[in-house]
Amino acid sequence: MDVQGNTEGAVVRKTLIVLLLVGLALLLVPLSGTLLLIFSAILIAVLIRSAAAPFRMLGIPETPAVLLGVLAIFAVLYLVGWLFGAQLGQEFSNVAAQLPSAIDSARDWLRQQPWGQSLSLASLDLQSYFGRAVSFAFGAVGVITNLVLVVIGAIYFALQPGLYVRGAERLFPKEQGPRVVDALNASGVALQKYLLGQLFTMTVVGSLVAIGLTFVGLPSAGALGVIVGVANFIPLVGPVIGAIPGILLAFAQGPDALIAASLVYLVAQQAEGNVLTPLVQRWAVSIPPALLLFALGALGSLFGILGILLAAPLAVVLYTLVTMLWSRDALGYDVRVPGRRRSRGDDGG
């Protein structure tokens, strides 16, 4: 009788677990937007803890160091705005004013070409596209409300990361807890290195483009440098997207400006692809390009621009977790953990 009762109890527990997993899977779809906002908060929390690292090295306790890190980030943003805000604001206004006529010029030229009759330049309607994308990403509640929620959540994550790691640990069997914590910590380190590497690359590429376009004589070079720098946060396709406004404005000024601007973007992206990215990946995280491409396609089709922006960081986290918990621990392969030094016998897989 006891054996039968234990068997029935085990069946009931397994059934409840399956039902719980199915319920969680069904909730992923309606809650996907909220989950992306939570991940956005995690990204900002990683940056906050990076900014707090120098203060911790000075012996300042954890909580004051994190708060000083938050203040340091706001101070840097304020300083940049104070130094360049007025100039960049005017340049962005000029870009916004000139882009419609540049798009019209490109559309008219394309329509005059025999091979361009069947092509559509609707994708060049940047204002409409980004307006729809932002509306989808932040929903009806409003941009400001969600930004405030993300920033406040990021501060909470940054102040007590161990609390949330321990909560995730308790979702798994007790004997697996240390491995889960190790994998979560490794994914956090990989994400931190990836973000710092991307910020470095974005800054260098944006500066190169701004300086190059200034020498070329293209107006609003600073704003165009910021655009291409920010766009470089999106791997693979970001550099192409970021170059579109500058190429369109140069096209409207004539063939000489178009060739010169194209050369500036080409040199900057070659420097990024052949010099900066290999150096950053050697220090930080190297993700297979095909994996990034499919992550961009999948999340972009599901969640629009917010999915595209978060695809690469999310791929870094998932790639690290799968590498450690599945390839290394479950299957026994001696693999390199993203963000960590190459292990003994690693073949680069």
Foldseek 3Di string as FASTA:
>chain_A
DVVVVVVVVVVVVVVVVVVVVVVVVVVCQVCVLVVLLLVLLQLVLLQLLVLLVVVVVVVDDQQVSSVVSVVVVVVVVVVCCVVCVVVLVVLVVVLVVPLVVLLVVVLVVLCPDPVSVPDDPPVSPVVVQVVVQVCLNVDPVDDVVSVVVSNVSSSVCNRCVVVVLVVVLVVDDPVCSVLSSVLQVLLSLLLSLLVVLLLVLLVQLLVLQLVQLVVLPQGSSNNLSNQLSVLVLQPPCSNVVSLVSCLSSQVVVHDSSNVSSVVSSVVSVCCCVPPSVVVSCVQHNDDPPVQSVVLLVVQCVSRNPSSSNCSVSVSSSVVQNCVRVPVCVPVNDQEQRTNDDRDPPHPHD
